[in-house]
């Protein structure tokens, strides 16, 4: 009888357990989770609504929607377990889903319902779930993996023929992923890239918009690493007292985090009017000031930007807010137009792992088979989810990665013949 041990009760660990138990009903499948309950991070996804997956989570979009050291690996995984496979998986546990654009949510908009259905399926399949169990070490003894827990867990030992590492990365440790899985992977002969926060807020040095905290504005943000463009995104940017936030900022944050880690000059180029060219902005400003002799510079821009942003933009352009627009020289008009399109924000740091949605970096994918998720370094070991050097953008891509890698590993763990 096979014994399949899964370390980590997050999305990929749960998917692996269900798939393994379904494919070998005689197998003993168990999950070891260090928190008091499985699936805690899942409950927080999509602001509690659980953005399960995305219709663009397909091989042809992998280079846009995923980042990491080997996008070809991502493409192969998404071929092996597709977006459609994820929908079938959730249909099989009784979940009805709905679309918002390309985003997939449970029809109930409740992450708690998703977790409840997964727990019911684990129970139906006889999967044993052990919570408040933190793994201290893993060793190969005879024909089994011996999984030893910390003394605070009464120092138990669990044995398994196959081992699935699904312990997550280092983001949001309060929800279960504290980075300990990287040490377990290293102990099993794997190498790990540098780990940095991703999908996270950015801290701005000498923040020019600090007094505009709370303002949300449409903008384009571009990550500049040593002056070179690394990534960009457009959408609603939120100004905070310490820096910038919002989905577009999250999308580029992993590049900034890596740049900072590598001690490179890391900046964000902020374009406050991405729908216009600089020449179009200039002409718009001229038109808005035409035949309005008493209009001040402050009132001039109030028709375009949130009032809290206006003084900061004018200050950076070298224009006093009470100056009449009719008195502005052409060079000053051009300076304001340029500043609307190009504000360089030097980044001093990101928020920490606790605030990050995922991590960038992880176990090198060249050490894992994408068709089975089995280790190429240690036979009988499978690695899934965020523990790998793959991270997705916002929109359900990281959960798709968890379901795909978990289901692939779960099936492969019971299909490989025991030596």
Protein backbone atom coordinates (compact mmCIF):
# COMPACT_ATOMS: atom_id res chain seq x y z
CA UNK A 1 0.00 0.00 0.00
CA UNK A 2 1.42 3.35 -1.04
CA UNK A 3 1.77 6.11 1.53
CA UNK A 4 1.74 9.59 0.06
CA UNK A 5 2.92 12.32 2.41
CA UNK A 6 2.08 15.92 1.53
CA UNK A 7 3.80 18.72 3.40
CA UNK A 8 1.58 21.78 3.27
CA UNK A 9 -2.19 22.15 3.31
CA UNK A 10 -2.53 25.05 0.91
CA UNK A 11 -4.12 25.03 -2.55
CA UNK A 12 -1.52 22.83 -4.25
CA UNK A 13 -1.26 20.44 -1.31
CA UNK A 14 -5.03 19.95 -1.14
CA UNK A 15 -5.23 19.44 -4.92
CA UNK A 16 -2.40 16.91 -4.76
CA UNK A 17 -4.07 14.97 -1.93
CA UNK A 18 -7.45 14.77 -3.68
CA UNK A 19 -5.92 13.72 -7.00
CA UNK A 20 -3.65 11.10 -5.43
CA UNK A 21 -6.50 9.57 -3.44
CA UNK A 22 -8.80 9.53 -6.48
CA UNK A 23 -6.21 7.77 -8.64
CA UNK A 24 -5.36 5.12 -6.04
CA UNK A 25 -8.15 4.46 -3.59
CA UNK A 26 -5.95 2.01 -1.69
CA UNK A 27 -3.21 4.58 -1.06
CA UNK A 28 -2.79 6.17 2.35
CA UNK A 29 -2.68 9.89 1.68
CA UNK A 30 -1.97 12.38 4.43
CA UNK A 31 -1.39 16.14 4.72
CA UNK A 32 0.87 17.78 7.31
CA UNK A 33 -0.07 21.42 7.91
CA UNK A 34 1.74 23.67 10.38
CA UNK A 35 -1.22 26.00 10.96
CA UNK A 36 -4.35 25.10 12.92
CA UNK A 37 -6.38 24.72 9.72
CA UNK A 38 -5.69 23.92 6.08
CA UNK A 39 -6.38 26.39 3.27
CA UNK A 40 -6.01 29.60 5.26
CA UNK A 41 -4.31 31.48 2.42
CA UNK A 42 -7.01 30.30 0.03
CA UNK A 43 -9.61 32.06 2.18
CA UNK A 44 -7.83 35.39 1.63
CA UNK A 45 -7.62 35.20 -2.16
CA UNK A 46 -9.66 37.54 -4.33
CA UNK A 47 -10.56 39.62 -1.25
CA UNK A 48 -12.36 36.60 0.14
CA UNK A 49 -14.12 35.80 -3.15
CA UNK A 50 -11.44 33.37 -4.40
CA UNK A 51 -10.30 34.15 -7.95
CA UNK A 52 -9.85 30.46 -8.86
CA UNK A 53 -8.19 30.76 -12.25
CA UNK A 54 -8.10 32.81 -15.45
CA UNK A 55 -9.02 32.02 -19.04
CA UNK A 56 -5.64 33.40 -20.11
CA UNK A 57 -3.75 30.81 -18.03
CA UNK A 58 -2.77 28.97 -21.20
CA UNK A 59 0.63 28.06 -22.72
CA UNK A 60 0.44 30.79 -25.38
CA UNK A 61 0.10 33.49 -22.69
CA UNK A 62 2.63 32.04 -20.25
CA UNK A 63 5.37 34.56 -21.13
CA UNK A 64 2.97 37.41 -20.29
CA UNK A 65 1.17 35.99 -17.26
CA UNK A 66 4.01 34.17 -15.51
CA UNK A 67 7.56 35.05 -14.49
CA UNK A 68 10.51 32.91 -13.47
CA UNK A 69 13.74 31.42 -14.69
CA UNK A 70 12.18 29.06 -17.25
CA UNK A 71 8.89 30.00 -18.94
CA UNK A 72 9.05 26.87 -21.12
CA UNK A 73 8.56 24.87 -17.92
CA UNK A 74 5.38 26.86 -17.22
CA UNK A 75 4.11 26.20 -20.75
CA UNK A 76 4.60 22.45 -20.34
CA UNK A 77 2.79 22.40 -17.00
CA UNK A 78 -0.17 24.32 -18.45
CA UNK A 79 -0.34 21.84 -21.32
CA UNK A 80 -0.37 18.95 -18.87
CA UNK A 81 -3.11 20.53 -16.71
CA UNK A 82 -5.08 23.27 -18.41
CA UNK A 83 -7.52 25.97 -17.42
CA UNK A 84 -10.30 23.61 -18.59
CA UNK A 85 -8.91 20.86 -16.34
CA UNK A 86 -9.20 23.22 -13.38
CA UNK A 87 -12.86 23.89 -14.20
CA UNK A 88 -13.50 20.13 -14.41
CA UNK A 89 -11.72 19.59 -11.10
CA UNK A 90 -13.98 22.06 -9.33
CA UNK A 91 -17.07 20.76 -11.08
CA UNK A 92 -16.16 17.33 -9.68
CA UNK A 93 -16.29 18.64 -6.10
CA UNK A 94 -19.63 20.36 -6.70
CA UNK A 95 -18.59 23.97 -7.28
CA UNK A 96 -20.46 26.20 -9.74
CA UNK A 97 -18.29 29.01 -11.15
CA UNK A 98 -18.84 32.28 -13.00
CA UNK A 99 -16.76 34.58 -15.19
CA UNK A 100 -15.92 38.24 -14.70
CA UNK A 101 -14.15 38.99 -17.95
CA UNK A 102 -11.37 36.39 -18.00
CA UNK A 103 -11.43 35.93 -14.21
CA UNK A 104 -13.12 32.83 -12.75
CA UNK A 105 -14.85 32.96 -9.36
CA UNK A 106 -17.17 30.65 -7.43
CA UNK A 107 -20.76 31.63 -8.20
CA UNK A 108 -21.30 32.29 -4.51
CA UNK A 109 -18.31 34.70 -4.38
CA UNK A 110 -17.21 32.85 -1.23
CA UNK A 111 -13.71 31.48 -0.78
CA UNK A 112 -15.03 29.71 2.31
CA UNK A 113 -17.39 27.67 0.12
CA UNK A 114 -14.48 26.56 -2.07
CA UNK A 115 -12.49 25.40 0.94
CA UNK A 116 -15.49 23.64 2.47
CA UNK A 117 -16.08 21.62 -0.70
CA UNK A 118 -12.40 20.67 -0.89
CA UNK A 119 -12.45 19.57 2.75
CA UNK A 120 -15.55 17.49 2.16
CA UNK A 121 -13.81 15.75 -0.74
CA UNK A 122 -10.70 15.07 1.36
CA UNK A 123 -12.92 13.51 4.02
CA UNK A 124 -14.86 11.44 1.45
CA UNK A 125 -11.59 10.07 0.06
CA UNK A 126 -10.21 9.24 3.50
CA UNK A 127 -7.28 11.66 3.34
CA UNK A 128 -5.81 12.18 6.80
CA UNK A 129 -5.17 15.81 7.72
CA UNK A 130 -2.80 16.67 10.57
CA UNK A 131 -2.75 20.33 11.63
CA UNK A 132 -0.40 22.19 13.99
CA UNK A 133 2.39 19.95 12.69
CA UNK A 134 5.63 21.66 11.65
CA UNK A 135 8.16 19.50 9.83
CA UNK A 136 11.69 19.71 11.19
CA UNK A 137 13.51 17.32 8.86
CA UNK A 138 13.13 14.69 6.15
CA UNK A 139 15.39 11.69 5.71
CA UNK A 140 15.43 8.62 3.48
CA UNK A 141 15.58 5.52 5.66
CA UNK A 142 15.39 2.12 4.02
CA UNK A 143 12.43 2.28 1.66
CA UNK A 144 10.66 5.26 3.22
CA UNK A 145 10.88 8.97 3.71
CA UNK A 146 10.92 9.69 7.44
CA UNK A 147 9.30 13.02 8.21
CA UNK A 148 10.15 14.29 11.68
CA UNK A 149 8.25 17.12 13.31
CA UNK A 150 9.49 19.71 15.79
CA UNK A 151 9.41 18.93 19.49
CA UNK A 152 6.58 21.41 19.99
CA UNK A 153 4.50 18.97 17.93
CA UNK A 154 5.39 16.09 20.30
CA UNK A 155 8.22 15.09 17.91
CA UNK A 156 6.19 12.66 15.83
CA UNK A 157 7.59 10.74 12.86
CA UNK A 158 5.58 10.10 9.71
CA UNK A 159 6.64 7.69 6.99
CA UNK A 160 5.87 7.92 3.29
CA UNK A 161 6.80 6.14 0.06
CA UNK A 162 6.27 9.32 -1.90
CA UNK A 163 6.68 12.88 -0.71
CA UNK A 164 5.01 16.00 -2.10
CA UNK A 165 6.49 19.32 -1.01
CA UNK A 166 3.62 21.82 -1.17
CA UNK A 167 4.62 24.11 1.68
CA UNK A 168 4.39 27.38 -0.23
CA UNK A 169 6.83 30.25 -0.39
CA UNK A 170 7.52 32.97 2.15
CA UNK A 171 4.65 35.39 1.49
CA UNK A 172 1.97 35.97 4.17
CA UNK A 173 3.56 33.73 6.80
CA UNK A 174 0.63 34.35 9.16
CA UNK A 175 -1.45 32.29 6.72
CA UNK A 176 0.97 29.38 6.66
CA UNK A 177 3.86 29.87 4.22
CA UNK A 178 6.91 30.90 6.23
CA UNK A 179 9.68 29.85 3.82
CA UNK A 180 10.57 26.66 5.70
CA UNK A 181 9.88 24.63 2.56
CA UNK A 182 12.97 26.05 0.89
CA UNK A 183 15.14 24.46 3.58
CA UNK A 184 13.40 21.11 3.13
CA UNK A 185 13.95 21.31 -0.64
CA UNK A 186 17.63 22.08 -0.14
CA UNK A 187 17.95 19.12 2.20
CA UNK A 188 16.58 16.98 -0.63
CA UNK A 189 19.40 18.11 -2.98
CA UNK A 190 17.65 21.07 -4.61
CA UNK A 191 19.00 24.55 -5.25
CA UNK A 192 16.92 27.66 -4.62
CA UNK A 193 17.18 31.06 -6.31
CA UNK A 194 17.07 34.31 -4.34
CA UNK A 195 13.62 34.87 -2.80
CA UNK A 196 11.99 38.33 -2.85
CA UNK A 197 8.46 39.62 -2.27
CA UNK A 198 6.19 39.89 -5.34
CA UNK A 199 2.72 41.37 -5.89
CA UNK A 200 3.60 43.85 -3.18
CA UNK A 201 3.54 47.60 -2.45
CA UNK A 202 6.57 49.81 -3.13
CA UNK A 203 8.22 52.36 -0.82
CA UNK A 204 9.30 55.60 -2.49
CA UNK A 205 12.40 57.52 -1.42
CA UNK A 206 11.63 61.20 -0.64
CA UNK A 207 8.05 60.51 -1.72
CA UNK A 208 6.74 63.58 -3.59
CA UNK A 209 3.09 62.48 -3.26
CA UNK A 210 3.13 61.62 0.45
CA UNK A 211 0.55 64.35 1.19
CA UNK A 212 -1.78 62.83 -1.40
CA UNK A 213 -2.08 59.55 0.52
CA UNK A 214 -5.33 57.73 -0.26
CA UNK A 215 -5.71 59.13 -3.77
CA UNK A 216 -6.39 56.63 -6.56
CA UNK A 217 -5.59 57.60 -10.13
CA UNK A 218 -5.30 55.93 -13.51
CA UNK A 219 -1.63 55.73 -14.49
CA UNK A 220 1.00 53.69 -16.23
CA UNK A 221 3.87 52.42 -14.09
CA UNK A 222 7.14 51.20 -15.53
CA UNK A 223 9.92 49.44 -13.61
CA UNK A 224 13.33 50.88 -14.45
CA UNK A 225 16.37 48.87 -13.37
CA UNK A 226 19.60 50.80 -13.87
CA UNK A 227 17.64 52.99 -16.27
CA UNK A 228 16.37 50.13 -18.44
CA UNK A 229 12.68 49.20 -18.72
CA UNK A 230 11.97 45.83 -17.09
CA UNK A 231 8.15 45.75 -17.08
CA UNK A 232 5.14 48.05 -17.21
CA UNK A 233 1.42 47.99 -16.49
CA UNK A 234 -1.51 50.41 -16.61
CA UNK A 235 -4.47 50.75 -14.26
CA UNK A 236 -5.56 52.28 -10.98
CA UNK A 237 -2.59 53.30 -8.85
CA UNK A 238 -3.08 54.05 -5.17
CA UNK A 239 -0.94 56.70 -3.48
CA UNK A 240 0.10 55.80 0.07
CA UNK A 241 1.96 57.79 2.70
CA UNK A 242 5.09 55.70 2.08
CA UNK A 243 4.83 54.99 -1.65
CA UNK A 244 2.55 53.44 -4.26
CA UNK A 245 0.20 50.46 -4.40
CA UNK A 246 -2.54 48.99 -6.60
CA UNK A 247 -2.64 46.19 -9.16
CA UNK A 248 -0.33 47.84 -11.76
CA UNK A 249 2.26 48.37 -9.03
CA UNK A 250 1.89 44.75 -7.90
CA UNK A 251 2.45 43.55 -11.46
CA UNK A 252 5.88 45.21 -11.73
CA UNK A 253 6.95 44.83 -8.09
CA UNK A 254 8.88 41.56 -8.51
CA UNK A 255 11.26 43.28 -10.95
CA UNK A 256 11.83 46.14 -8.52
CA UNK A 257 12.35 43.68 -5.65
CA UNK A 258 14.95 41.75 -7.64
CA UNK A 259 16.67 44.97 -8.67
CA UNK A 260 16.91 46.10 -5.06
CA UNK A 261 18.19 42.67 -4.02
CA UNK A 262 20.91 42.95 -6.67
CA UNK A 263 21.83 46.47 -5.43
CA UNK A 264 20.80 48.05 -8.74
CA UNK A 265 19.20 51.46 -9.17
CA UNK A 266 15.49 50.70 -8.99
CA UNK A 267 12.94 53.31 -10.04
CA UNK A 268 9.35 53.60 -11.20
CA UNK A 269 8.41 55.81 -14.12
CA UNK A 270 4.93 57.19 -13.45
CA UNK A 271 2.81 58.35 -16.39
CA UNK A 272 -0.31 60.11 -15.07
CA UNK A 273 -1.93 60.50 -18.49
CA UNK A 274 -1.15 57.25 -20.34
CA UNK A 275 -3.97 57.78 -22.84
CA UNK A 276 -2.22 60.88 -24.26
CA UNK A 277 1.15 61.50 -25.89
CA UNK A 278 3.26 64.32 -24.46
CA UNK A 279 2.39 66.54 -27.44
CA UNK A 280 -1.31 65.81 -26.91
CA UNK A 281 -0.99 66.74 -23.23
CA UNK A 282 0.68 70.01 -24.19
CA UNK A 283 -2.10 70.87 -26.65
CA UNK A 284 -4.74 69.91 -24.06
CA UNK A 285 -3.16 72.23 -21.49
CA UNK A 286 -3.02 75.09 -23.96
CA UNK A 287 -6.65 74.59 -24.89
CA UNK A 288 -7.77 74.44 -21.26
CA UNK A 289 -6.03 77.74 -20.49
CA UNK A 290 -7.15 79.56 -23.62
CA UNK A 291 -9.21 82.75 -22.99
CA UNK A 292 -9.24 82.17 -19.23
CA UNK A 293 -7.00 85.05 -18.16
CA UNK A 294 -7.73 84.84 -14.43
CA UNK A 295 -7.26 81.05 -14.20
CA UNK A 296 -4.52 79.98 -11.79
CA UNK A 297 -2.25 77.02 -12.40
CA UNK A 298 -3.99 75.14 -9.58
CA UNK A 299 -7.44 75.59 -11.11
CA UNK A 300 -6.01 74.79 -14.54
CA UNK A 301 -5.08 71.21 -13.56
CA UNK A 302 -8.06 70.59 -11.28
CA UNK A 303 -10.10 69.58 -14.30
CA UNK A 304 -7.66 66.74 -14.99
CA UNK A 305 -6.28 65.44 -11.68
CA UNK A 306 -7.37 64.84 -8.13
CA UNK A 307 -6.92 68.11 -6.24
CA UNK A 308 -4.33 66.55 -3.92
CA UNK A 309 -2.09 65.69 -6.87
CA UNK A 310 -2.17 69.14 -8.49
CA UNK A 311 0.20 71.01 -6.11
CA UNK A 312 2.74 68.18 -6.29
CA UNK A 313 2.75 68.08 -10.11
CA UNK A 314 3.16 71.86 -10.36
CA UNK A 315 5.89 71.86 -7.74
CA UNK A 316 7.87 69.20 -9.65
CA UNK A 317 7.39 71.19 -12.87
CA UNK A 318 8.67 74.35 -11.19
CA UNK A 319 5.38 76.26 -11.41
CA UNK A 320 3.78 78.12 -8.49
CA UNK A 321 0.15 77.13 -7.91
CA UNK A 322 -1.16 80.73 -7.83
CA UNK A 323 0.54 81.74 -11.09
CA UNK A 324 -1.96 82.78 -13.77
CA UNK A 325 -1.95 80.40 -16.72
CA UNK A 326 -1.92 83.39 -19.09
CA UNK A 327 1.46 84.36 -17.62
CA UNK A 328 3.10 80.96 -18.15
CA UNK A 329 5.86 80.77 -20.72
CA UNK A 330 5.85 78.07 -23.37
CA UNK A 331 8.75 76.35 -21.63
CA UNK A 332 6.70 76.18 -18.41
CA UNK A 333 3.72 74.70 -20.27
CA UNK A 334 6.05 72.12 -21.78
CA UNK A 335 7.52 71.36 -18.33
CA UNK A 336 4.06 70.66 -16.90
CA UNK A 337 3.14 68.47 -19.90
CA UNK A 338 6.38 66.53 -19.51
CA UNK A 339 5.85 66.07 -15.77
CA UNK A 340 2.33 64.71 -16.37
CA UNK A 341 3.91 62.04 -18.55
CA UNK A 342 7.17 61.37 -16.78
CA UNK A 343 7.69 61.32 -13.02
CA UNK A 344 10.64 59.25 -11.78
CA UNK A 345 10.09 57.73 -8.33
CA UNK A 346 13.24 56.25 -6.75
CA UNK A 347 12.30 53.09 -4.82
CA UNK A 348 14.03 52.44 -1.52
CA UNK A 349 12.30 49.17 -0.64
CA UNK A 350 9.23 47.01 -1.04
CA UNK A 351 6.86 46.11 1.73
CA UNK A 352 7.88 42.85 3.38
CA UNK A 353 6.93 39.25 2.78
CA UNK A 354 4.04 39.58 5.20
CA UNK A 355 2.37 42.07 2.85
CA UNK A 356 3.26 40.23 -0.36
CA UNK A 357 0.75 37.99 -2.13
CA UNK A 358 3.46 35.69 -3.51
CA UNK A 359 7.23 35.38 -3.78
CA UNK A 360 9.52 35.62 -6.76
CA UNK A 361 12.15 32.88 -6.85
CA UNK A 362 12.20 29.35 -5.51
CA UNK A 363 13.36 25.84 -6.40
CA UNK A 364 15.00 25.89 -9.83
CA UNK A 365 12.59 24.37 -12.33
CA UNK A 366 15.38 22.65 -14.28
CA UNK A 367 15.51 20.26 -11.31
CA UNK A 368 11.85 19.19 -11.71
CA UNK A 369 10.01 17.28 -14.44
CA UNK A 370 7.09 19.44 -15.72
CA UNK A 371 5.03 16.41 -16.78
CA UNK A 372 5.03 14.85 -13.30
CA UNK A 373 6.45 17.53 -10.94
CA UNK A 374 8.86 14.84 -9.74
CA UNK A 375 12.30 15.90 -8.60
CA UNK A 376 15.17 15.14 -10.95
CA UNK A 377 17.47 15.19 -7.93
CA UNK A 378 15.64 12.90 -5.49
CA UNK A 379 13.30 10.19 -6.77
CA UNK A 380 9.92 9.95 -5.11
CA UNK A 381 9.87 13.67 -4.25
CA UNK A 382 7.43 16.04 -5.98
CA UNK A 383 7.47 19.84 -5.73
CA UNK A 384 4.45 22.08 -6.31
CA UNK A 385 3.05 25.58 -6.20
CA UNK A 386 4.82 28.65 -4.95
CA UNK A 387 7.80 26.62 -3.76
CA UNK A 388 8.96 26.61 -7.40
CA UNK A 389 10.68 29.48 -9.19
CA UNK A 390 7.45 30.59 -10.88
CA UNK A 391 5.16 33.48 -9.99
CA UNK A 392 2.08 34.73 -11.78
CA UNK A 393 0.58 38.18 -12.17
CA UNK A 394 -2.66 39.17 -10.42
CA UNK A 395 -5.87 37.59 -11.68
CA UNK A 396 -6.02 33.93 -10.64
CA UNK A 397 -2.77 32.85 -12.29
CA UNK A 398 -1.04 31.83 -9.07
CA UNK A 399 -4.00 29.70 -8.00
CA UNK A 400 -4.08 28.09 -11.45
CA UNK A 401 -0.41 27.26 -10.94
CA UNK A 402 -1.23 25.70 -7.56
CA UNK A 403 -4.10 23.56 -8.91
CA UNK A 404 -2.10 22.47 -11.96
CA UNK A 405 1.12 21.51 -10.19
CA UNK A 406 -0.76 19.92 -7.29
CA UNK A 407 -2.99 17.76 -9.48
CA UNK A 408 -0.08 16.71 -11.71
CA UNK A 409 2.03 15.74 -8.71
CA UNK A 410 -0.82 13.95 -6.96
CA UNK A 411 -1.55 11.77 -9.97
CA UNK A 412 2.12 11.05 -10.72
CA UNK A 413 2.86 10.12 -7.11
CA UNK A 414 0.53 7.11 -7.24
CA UNK A 415 1.13 6.15 -10.87
CA UNK A 416 4.90 5.64 -10.67
CA UNK A 417 5.79 2.07 -9.90
CA UNK A 418 7.44 1.41 -6.59
CA UNK A 419 10.99 0.09 -6.87
